[in-house]
Amino acid sequence: MPELSRFFGIIIRMFFDDHNPPHFHAEYSGRKAVFDLRGNILQGDLKSKVAIRLVRDWIDLRHTELEFDWKLAKQGKPLKKIKPLE
């Protein structure tokens, strides 16, 4: 699963040709969660309110790039790295 971004110990990944709705996987301190592109947690839990807030802040800043990568992933094409939250 390609890594899209990494910031503050949070790793963001996206599968190729994954199921709808558009989403990505986040991992923090050994915990995993699946977020849709609006910031809702679909599965799992990072068990850190701060990490969840950081992921949601990152989504707000990088929403267009996430949508673009989702389209690439659905086509089986290489994904683009997305700038981390700074």
PDB file of N, CA and C in Angstrom:
ATOM      1  N   MET A   1       0.857  -1.167   0.000  1.00  0.00           N
ATOM      2  CA  MET A   1       0.000   0.000   0.000  1.00  0.00           C
ATOM      3  C   MET A   1       0.902   1.228   0.000  1.00  0.00           C
ATOM      4  N   PRO A   2       0.802   2.060  -1.022  1.00  0.00           N
ATOM      5  CA  PRO A   2       1.685   3.231  -1.129  1.00  0.00           C
ATOM      6  C   PRO A   2       1.473   4.258  -0.024  1.00  0.00           C
ATOM      7  N   GLU A   3       2.575   4.799   0.440  1.00  0.00           N
ATOM      8  CA  GLU A   3       2.549   5.856   1.447  1.00  0.00           C
ATOM      9  C   GLU A   3       2.389   7.195   0.744  1.00  0.00           C
ATOM     10  N   LEU A   4       1.364   7.955   1.141  1.00  0.00           N
ATOM     11  CA  LEU A   4       1.104   9.266   0.548  1.00  0.00           C
ATOM     12  C   LEU A   4       1.800  10.388   1.305  1.00  0.00           C
ATOM     13  N   SER A   5       1.812  10.263   2.632  1.00  0.00           N
ATOM     14  CA  SER A   5       2.357  11.344   3.440  1.00  0.00           C
ATOM     15  C   SER A   5       2.719  10.798   4.825  1.00  0.00           C
ATOM     16  N   ARG A   6       3.544  11.574   5.525  1.00  0.00           N
ATOM     17  CA  ARG A   6       3.959  11.224   6.882  1.00  0.00           C
ATOM     18  C   ARG A   6       4.203  12.531   7.629  1.00  0.00           C
ATOM     19  N   PHE A   7       3.567  12.672   8.794  1.00  0.00           N
ATOM     20  CA  PHE A   7       3.743  13.879   9.596  1.00  0.00           C
ATOM     21  C   PHE A   7       3.415  13.586  11.055  1.00  0.00           C
ATOM     22  N   PHE A   8       4.207  14.139  11.948  1.00  0.00           N
ATOM     23  CA  PHE A   8       4.011  14.012  13.392  1.00  0.00           C
ATOM     24  C   PHE A   8       3.773  12.563  13.831  1.00  0.00           C
ATOM     25  N   GLY A   9       4.467  11.629  13.204  1.00  0.00           N
ATOM     26  CA  GLY A   9       4.336  10.213  13.545  1.00  0.00           C
ATOM     27  C   GLY A   9       3.139   9.524  12.917  1.00  0.00           C
ATOM     28  N   ILE A  10       2.383  10.228  12.101  1.00  0.00           N
ATOM     29  CA  ILE A  10       1.195   9.683  11.435  1.00  0.00           C
ATOM     30  C   ILE A  10       1.589   9.295  10.010  1.00  0.00           C
ATOM     31  N   ILE A  11       1.223   8.090   9.610  1.00  0.00           N
ATOM     32  CA  ILE A  11       1.506   7.612   8.255  1.00  0.00           C
ATOM     33  C   ILE A  11       0.179   7.486   7.515  1.00  0.00           C
ATOM     34  N   ILE A  12       0.116   8.074   6.316  1.00  0.00           N
ATOM     35  CA  ILE A  12      -1.086   8.050   5.484  1.00  0.00           C
ATOM     36  C   ILE A  12      -0.800   7.180   4.265  1.00  0.00           C
ATOM     37  N   ARG A  13      -1.696   6.193   4.028  1.00  0.00           N
ATOM     38  CA  ARG A  13      -1.533   5.282   2.890  1.00  0.00           C
ATOM     39  C   ARG A  13      -2.861   5.124   2.149  1.00  0.00           C
ATOM     40  N   MET A  14      -2.746   4.678   0.884  1.00  0.00           N
ATOM     41  CA  MET A  14      -3.938   4.412   0.084  1.00  0.00           C
ATOM     42  C   MET A  14      -3.688   3.158  -0.757  1.00  0.00           C
ATOM     43  N   PHE A  15      -4.691   2.283  -0.797  1.00  0.00           N
ATOM     44  CA  PHE A  15      -4.616   1.069  -1.603  1.00  0.00           C
ATOM     45  C   PHE A  15      -4.932   1.378  -3.061  1.00  0.00           C
ATOM     46  N   PHE A  16      -4.380   0.583  -3.960  1.00  0.00           N
ATOM     47  CA  PHE A  16      -4.764   0.640  -5.367  1.00  0.00           C
ATOM     48  C   PHE A  16      -6.086  -0.081  -5.553  1.00  0.00           C
ATOM     49  N   ASP A  17      -6.957   0.461  -6.414  1.00  0.00           N
ATOM     50  CA  ASP A  17      -8.220  -0.164  -6.801  1.00  0.00           C
ATOM     51  C   ASP A  17      -9.031  -0.616  -5.586  1.00  0.00           C
ATOM     52  N   ASP A  18      -9.105   0.241  -4.573  1.00  0.00           N
ATOM     53  CA  ASP A  18      -9.837  -0.078  -3.349  1.00  0.00           C
ATOM     54  C   ASP A  18     -11.333   0.209  -3.541  1.00  0.00           C
ATOM     55  N   HIS A  19     -12.143  -0.272  -2.627  1.00  0.00           N
ATOM     56  CA  HIS A  19     -13.596  -0.117  -2.677  1.00  0.00           C
ATOM     57  C   HIS A  19     -14.004   1.315  -2.334  1.00  0.00           C
ATOM     58  N   ASN A  20     -15.209   1.686  -2.750  1.00  0.00           N
ATOM     59  CA  ASN A  20     -15.796   2.973  -2.378  1.00  0.00           C
ATOM     60  C   ASN A  20     -16.361   2.868  -0.978  1.00  0.00           C
ATOM     61  N   PRO A  21     -16.555   3.960  -0.274  1.00  0.00           N
ATOM     62  CA  PRO A  21     -16.325   5.340  -0.669  1.00  0.00           C
ATOM     63  C   PRO A  21     -14.834   5.668  -0.666  1.00  0.00           C
ATOM     64  N   PRO A  22     -14.461   6.753  -1.346  1.00  0.00           N
ATOM     65  CA  PRO A  22     -13.052   7.170  -1.338  1.00  0.00           C
ATOM     66  C   PRO A  22     -12.549   7.320   0.094  1.00  0.00           C
ATOM     67  N   HIS A  23     -11.370   6.759   0.355  1.00  0.00           N
ATOM     68  CA  HIS A  23     -10.839   6.767   1.713  1.00  0.00           C
ATOM     69  C   HIS A  23      -9.331   6.528   1.691  1.00  0.00           C
ATOM     70  N   PHE A  24      -8.727   6.677   2.876  1.00  0.00           N
ATOM     71  CA  PHE A  24      -7.314   6.357   3.043  1.00  0.00           C
ATOM     72  C   PHE A  24      -7.122   5.748   4.422  1.00  0.00           C
ATOM     73  N   HIS A  25      -5.952   5.194   4.642  1.00  0.00           N
ATOM     74  CA  HIS A  25      -5.619   4.530   5.891  1.00  0.00           C
ATOM     75  C   HIS A  25      -4.591   5.382   6.635  1.00  0.00           C
ATOM     76  N   ALA A  26      -4.820   5.585   7.921  1.00  0.00           N
ATOM     77  CA  ALA A  26      -3.890   6.344   8.756  1.00  0.00           C
ATOM     78  C   ALA A  26      -3.404   5.433   9.877  1.00  0.00           C
ATOM     79  N   GLU A  27      -2.125   5.558  10.205  1.00  0.00           N
ATOM     80  CA  GLU A  27      -1.555   4.782  11.294  1.00  0.00           C
ATOM     81  C   GLU A  27      -0.792   5.729  12.213  1.00  0.00           C
ATOM     82  N   TYR A  28      -1.002   5.523  13.508  1.00  0.00           N
ATOM     83  CA  TYR A  28      -0.306   6.338  14.503  1.00  0.00           C
ATOM     84  C   TYR A  28      -0.049   5.484  15.729  1.00  0.00           C
ATOM     85  N   SER A  29       1.194   5.367  16.116  1.00  0.00           N
ATOM     86  CA  SER A  29       1.581   4.661  17.329  1.00  0.00           C
ATOM     87  C   SER A  29       0.998   3.244  17.388  1.00  0.00           C
ATOM     88  N   GLY A  30       1.047   2.560  16.240  1.00  0.00           N
ATOM     89  CA  GLY A  30       0.578   1.183  16.170  1.00  0.00           C
ATOM     90  C   GLY A  30      -0.925   1.028  16.015  1.00  0.00           C
ATOM     91  N   ARG A  31      -1.665   2.125  16.050  1.00  0.00           N
ATOM     92  CA  ARG A  31      -3.123   2.101  15.877  1.00  0.00           C
ATOM     93  C   ARG A  31      -3.455   2.478  14.446  1.00  0.00           C
ATOM     94  N   LYS A  32      -4.541   1.925  13.909  1.00  0.00           N
ATOM     95  CA  LYS A  32      -4.926   2.182  12.523  1.00  0.00           C
ATOM     96  C   LYS A  32      -6.385   2.615  12.448  1.00  0.00           C
ATOM     97  N   ALA A  33      -6.647   3.490  11.466  1.00  0.00           N
ATOM     98  CA  ALA A  33      -8.016   3.932  11.202  1.00  0.00           C
ATOM     99  C   ALA A  33      -8.156   4.202   9.709  1.00  0.00           C
ATOM    100  N   VAL A  34      -9.372   4.072   9.229  1.00  0.00           N
ATOM    101  CA  VAL A  34      -9.702   4.391   7.845  1.00  0.00           C
ATOM    102  C   VAL A  34     -10.572   5.641   7.873  1.00  0.00           C
ATOM    103  N   PHE A  35     -10.159   6.657   7.124  1.00  0.00           N
ATOM    104  CA  PHE A  35     -10.887   7.924   7.040  1.00  0.00           C
ATOM    105  C   PHE A  35     -11.456   8.106   5.644  1.00  0.00           C
ATOM    106  N   ASP A  36     -12.675   8.627   5.550  1.00  0.00           N
ATOM    107  CA  ASP A  36     -13.143   9.053   4.235  1.00  0.00           C
ATOM    108  C   ASP A  36     -12.522  10.423   3.954  1.00  0.00           C
ATOM    109  N   LEU A  37     -12.753  10.947   2.769  1.00  0.00           N
ATOM    110  CA  LEU A  37     -12.091  12.193   2.379  1.00  0.00           C
ATOM    111  C   LEU A  37     -12.728  13.429   3.006  1.00  0.00           C
ATOM    112  N   ARG A  38     -13.767  13.224   3.824  1.00  0.00           N
ATOM    113  CA  ARG A  38     -14.362  14.329   4.586  1.00  0.00           C
ATOM    114  C   ARG A  38     -13.877  14.331   6.028  1.00  0.00           C
ATOM    115  N   GLY A  39     -13.111  13.296   6.413  1.00  0.00           N
ATOM    116  CA  GLY A  39     -12.563  13.242   7.759  1.00  0.00           C
ATOM    117  C   GLY A  39     -13.318  12.351   8.714  1.00  0.00           C
ATOM    118  N   ASN A  40     -14.340  11.655   8.228  1.00  0.00           N
ATOM    119  CA  ASN A  40     -15.068  10.708   9.073  1.00  0.00           C
ATOM    120  C   ASN A  40     -14.262   9.424   9.224  1.00  0.00           C
ATOM    121  N   ILE A  41     -14.248   8.855  10.412  1.00  0.00           N
ATOM    122  CA  ILE A  41     -13.584   7.573  10.628  1.00  0.00           C
ATOM    123  C   ILE A  41     -14.564   6.473  10.249  1.00  0.00           C
ATOM    124  N   LEU A  42     -14.166   5.660   9.261  1.00  0.00           N
ATOM    125  CA  LEU A  42     -15.010   4.574   8.777  1.00  0.00           C
ATOM    126  C   LEU A  42     -14.752   3.267   9.520  1.00  0.00           C
ATOM    127  N   GLN A  43     -13.524   3.123   9.985  1.00  0.00           N
ATOM    128  CA  GLN A  43     -13.136   1.870  10.641  1.00  0.00           C
ATOM    129  C   GLN A  43     -11.918   2.133  11.513  1.00  0.00           C
ATOM    130  N   GLY A  44     -11.793   1.419  12.617  1.00  0.00           N
ATOM    131  CA  GLY A  44     -10.642   1.540  13.497  1.00  0.00           C
ATOM    132  C   GLY A  44     -10.688   2.798  14.338  1.00  0.00           C
ATOM    133  N   ASP A  45      -9.569   3.079  14.982  1.00  0.00           N
ATOM    134  CA  ASP A  45      -9.465   4.263  15.831  1.00  0.00           C
ATOM    135  C   ASP A  45      -7.992   4.505  16.152  1.00  0.00           C
ATOM    136  N   LEU A  46      -7.558   5.725  16.034  1.00  0.00           N
ATOM    137  CA  LEU A  46      -6.169   6.061  16.349  1.00  0.00           C
ATOM    138  C   LEU A  46      -5.960   6.205  17.862  1.00  0.00           C
ATOM    139  N   LYS A  47      -7.030   6.242  18.632  1.00  0.00           N
ATOM    140  CA  LYS A  47      -6.981   6.359  20.098  1.00  0.00           C
ATOM    141  C   LYS A  47      -6.246   7.598  20.586  1.00  0.00           C
ATOM    142  N   SER A  48      -6.162   8.597  19.736  1.00  0.00           N
ATOM    143  CA  SER A  48      -5.530   9.859  20.105  1.00  0.00           C
ATOM    144  C   SER A  48      -6.332  10.995  19.474  1.00  0.00           C
ATOM    145  N   LYS A  49      -6.978  11.803  20.306  1.00  0.00           N
ATOM    146  CA  LYS A  49      -7.751  12.933  19.791  1.00  0.00           C
ATOM    147  C   LYS A  49      -6.866  13.905  19.029  1.00  0.00           C
ATOM    148  N   VAL A  50      -5.637  14.061  19.483  1.00  0.00           N
ATOM    149  CA  VAL A  50      -4.703  14.968  18.813  1.00  0.00           C
ATOM    150  C   VAL A  50      -4.367  14.433  17.419  1.00  0.00           C
ATOM    151  N   ALA A  51      -4.065  13.137  17.300  1.00  0.00           N
ATOM    152  CA  ALA A  51      -3.736  12.552  15.996  1.00  0.00           C
ATOM    153  C   ALA A  51      -4.928  12.647  15.051  1.00  0.00           C
ATOM    154  N   ILE A  52      -6.121  12.385  15.552  1.00  0.00           N
ATOM    155  CA  ILE A  52      -7.321  12.482  14.710  1.00  0.00           C
ATOM    156  C   ILE A  52      -7.508  13.916  14.228  1.00  0.00           C
ATOM    157  N   ARG A  53      -7.320  14.882  15.122  1.00  0.00           N
ATOM    158  CA  ARG A  53      -7.446  16.291  14.730  1.00  0.00           C
ATOM    159  C   ARG A  53      -6.408  16.670  13.686  1.00  0.00           C
ATOM    160  N   LEU A  54      -5.176  16.185  13.846  1.00  0.00           N
ATOM    161  CA  LEU A  54      -4.122  16.470  12.864  1.00  0.00           C
ATOM    162  C   LEU A  54      -4.454  15.875  11.507  1.00  0.00           C
ATOM    163  N   VAL A  55      -4.975  14.655  11.490  1.00  0.00           N
ATOM    164  CA  VAL A  55      -5.378  14.038  10.213  1.00  0.00           C
ATOM    165  C   VAL A  55      -6.480  14.870   9.575  1.00  0.00           C
ATOM    166  N   ARG A  56      -7.450  15.297  10.345  1.00  0.00           N
ATOM    167  CA  ARG A  56      -8.551  16.101   9.792  1.00  0.00           C
ATOM    168  C   ARG A  56      -8.070  17.469   9.306  1.00  0.00           C
ATOM    169  N   ASP A  57      -7.133  18.076  10.014  1.00  0.00           N
ATOM    170  CA  ASP A  57      -6.547  19.342   9.544  1.00  0.00           C
ATOM    171  C   ASP A  57      -5.837  19.130   8.216  1.00  0.00           C
ATOM    172  N   TRP A  58      -5.115  18.014   8.117  1.00  0.00           N
ATOM    173  CA  TRP A  58      -4.388  17.689   6.880  1.00  0.00           C
ATOM    174  C   TRP A  58      -5.378  17.474   5.729  1.00  0.00           C
ATOM    175  N   ILE A  59      -6.478  16.773   5.983  1.00  0.00           N
ATOM    176  CA  ILE A  59      -7.505  16.569   4.956  1.00  0.00           C
ATOM    177  C   ILE A  59      -8.020  17.914   4.454  1.00  0.00           C
ATOM    178  N   ASP A  60      -8.312  18.833   5.374  1.00  0.00           N
ATOM    179  CA  ASP A  60      -8.814  20.156   4.985  1.00  0.00           C
ATOM    180  C   ASP A  60      -7.860  20.861   4.024  1.00  0.00           C
ATOM    181  N   LEU A  61      -6.568  20.709   4.269  1.00  0.00           N
ATOM    182  CA  LEU A  61      -5.561  21.367   3.426  1.00  0.00           C
ATOM    183  C   LEU A  61      -5.290  20.628   2.120  1.00  0.00           C
ATOM    184  N   ARG A  62      -5.472  19.318   2.110  1.00  0.00           N
ATOM    185  CA  ARG A  62      -5.032  18.489   0.979  1.00  0.00           C
ATOM    186  C   ARG A  62      -6.165  17.717   0.301  1.00  0.00           C
ATOM    187  N   HIS A  63      -7.395  18.167   0.493  1.00  0.00           N
ATOM    188  CA  HIS A  63      -8.556  17.448  -0.023  1.00  0.00           C
ATOM    189  C   HIS A  63      -8.481  17.217  -1.537  1.00  0.00           C
ATOM    190  N   THR A  64      -8.126  18.226  -2.295  1.00  0.00           N
ATOM    191  CA  THR A  64      -8.054  18.101  -3.752  1.00  0.00           C
ATOM    192  C   THR A  64      -7.013  17.064  -4.158  1.00  0.00           C
ATOM    193  N   GLU A  65      -5.873  17.077  -3.502  1.00  0.00           N
ATOM    194  CA  GLU A  65      -4.812  16.109  -3.812  1.00  0.00           C
ATOM    195  C   GLU A  65      -5.234  14.689  -3.443  1.00  0.00           C
ATOM    196  N   LEU A  66      -5.977  14.535  -2.355  1.00  0.00           N
ATOM    197  CA  LEU A  66      -6.487  13.219  -1.970  1.00  0.00           C
ATOM    198  C   LEU A  66      -7.468  12.687  -3.014  1.00  0.00           C
ATOM    199  N   GLU A  67      -8.354  13.547  -3.483  1.00  0.00           N
ATOM    200  CA  GLU A  67      -9.300  13.131  -4.527  1.00  0.00           C
ATOM    201  C   GLU A  67      -8.556  12.708  -5.791  1.00  0.00           C
ATOM    202  N   PHE A  68      -7.531  13.453  -6.159  1.00  0.00           N
ATOM    203  CA  PHE A  68      -6.735  13.135  -7.349  1.00  0.00           C
ATOM    204  C   PHE A  68      -6.056  11.773  -7.178  1.00  0.00           C
ATOM    205  N   ASP A  69      -5.448  11.544  -6.020  1.00  0.00           N
ATOM    206  CA  ASP A  69      -4.796  10.259  -5.770  1.00  0.00           C
ATOM    207  C   ASP A  69      -5.812   9.115  -5.766  1.00  0.00           C
ATOM    208  N   TRP A  70      -7.008   9.353  -5.239  1.00  0.00           N
ATOM    209  CA  TRP A  70      -8.031   8.305  -5.254  1.00  0.00           C
ATOM    210  C   TRP A  70      -8.348   7.893  -6.695  1.00  0.00           C
ATOM    211  N   LYS A  71      -8.485   8.888  -7.578  1.00  0.00           N
ATOM    212  CA  LYS A  71      -8.757   8.587  -8.993  1.00  0.00           C
ATOM    213  C   LYS A  71      -7.606   7.799  -9.606  1.00  0.00           C
ATOM    214  N   LEU A  72      -6.374   8.187  -9.294  1.00  0.00           N
ATOM    215  CA  LEU A  72      -5.212   7.442  -9.797  1.00  0.00           C
ATOM    216  C   LEU A  72      -5.226   6.007  -9.276  1.00  0.00           C
ATOM    217  N   ALA A  73      -5.511   5.844  -7.995  1.00  0.00           N
ATOM    218  CA  ALA A  73      -5.532   4.514  -7.378  1.00  0.00           C
ATOM    219  C   ALA A  73      -6.580   3.626  -8.034  1.00  0.00           C
ATOM    220  N   LYS A  74      -7.759   4.177  -8.327  1.00  0.00           N
ATOM    221  CA  LYS A  74      -8.817   3.405  -8.969  1.00  0.00           C
ATOM    222  C   LYS A  74      -8.401   2.928 -10.354  1.00  0.00           C
ATOM    223  N   GLN A  75      -7.483   3.672 -10.992  1.00  0.00           N
ATOM    224  CA  GLN A  75      -6.993   3.313 -12.325  1.00  0.00           C
ATOM    225  C   GLN A  75      -5.733   2.464 -12.259  1.00  0.00           C
ATOM    226  N   GLY A  76      -5.251   2.195 -11.047  1.00  0.00           N
ATOM    227  CA  GLY A  76      -4.035   1.405 -10.881  1.00  0.00           C
ATOM    228  C   GLY A  76      -2.770   2.150 -11.270  1.00  0.00           C
ATOM    229  N   LYS A  77      -2.838   3.470 -11.277  1.00  0.00           N
ATOM    230  CA  LYS A  77      -1.690   4.297 -11.656  1.00  0.00           C
ATOM    231  C   LYS A  77      -0.903   4.709 -10.410  1.00  0.00           C
ATOM    232  N   PRO A  78       0.367   5.056 -10.588  1.00  0.00           N
ATOM    233  CA  PRO A  78       1.182   5.488  -9.440  1.00  0.00           C
ATOM    234  C   PRO A  78       0.580   6.721  -8.758  1.00  0.00           C
ATOM    235  N   LEU A  79       0.623   6.715  -7.440  1.00  0.00           N
ATOM    236  CA  LEU A  79       0.071   7.820  -6.665  1.00  0.00           C
ATOM    237  C   LEU A  79       1.121   8.897  -6.441  1.00  0.00           C
ATOM    238  N   LYS A  80       0.649  10.097  -6.237  1.00  0.00           N
ATOM    239  CA  LYS A  80       1.525  11.242  -5.981  1.00  0.00           C
ATOM    240  C   LYS A  80       1.677  11.432  -4.468  1.00  0.00           C
ATOM    241  N   LYS A  81       2.866  11.742  -4.032  1.00  0.00           N
ATOM    242  CA  LYS A  81       3.102  12.097  -2.627  1.00  0.00           C
ATOM    243  C   LYS A  81       2.345  13.390  -2.329  1.00  0.00           C
ATOM    244  N   ILE A  82       1.863  13.514  -1.107  1.00  0.00           N
ATOM    245  CA  ILE A  82       1.131  14.705  -0.682  1.00  0.00           C
ATOM    246  C   ILE A  82       1.914  15.352   0.462  1.00  0.00           C
ATOM    247  N   LYS A  83       2.042  16.668   0.385  1.00  0.00           N
ATOM    248  CA  LYS A  83       2.796  17.393   1.414  1.00  0.00           C
ATOM    249  C   LYS A  83       2.248  17.090   2.806  1.00  0.00           C
ATOM    250  N   PRO A  84       3.147  16.947   3.762  1.00  0.00           N
ATOM    251  CA  PRO A  84       2.710  16.696   5.136  1.00  0.00           C
ATOM    252  C   PRO A  84       2.143  17.958   5.781  1.00  0.00           C
ATOM    253  N   LEU A  85       1.508  17.763   6.898  1.00  0.00           N
ATOM    254  CA  LEU A  85       1.070  18.870   7.736  1.00  0.00           C
ATOM    255  C   LEU A  85       2.316  19.422   8.414  1.00  0.00           C
ATOM    256  N   GLU A  86       2.446  20.723   8.422  1.00  0.00           N
ATOM    257  CA  GLU A  86       3.644  21.346   8.998  1.00  0.00           C
ATOM    258  C   GLU A  86       3.293  22.196  10.190  1.00  0.00           C
TER     259      GLU A  86
END
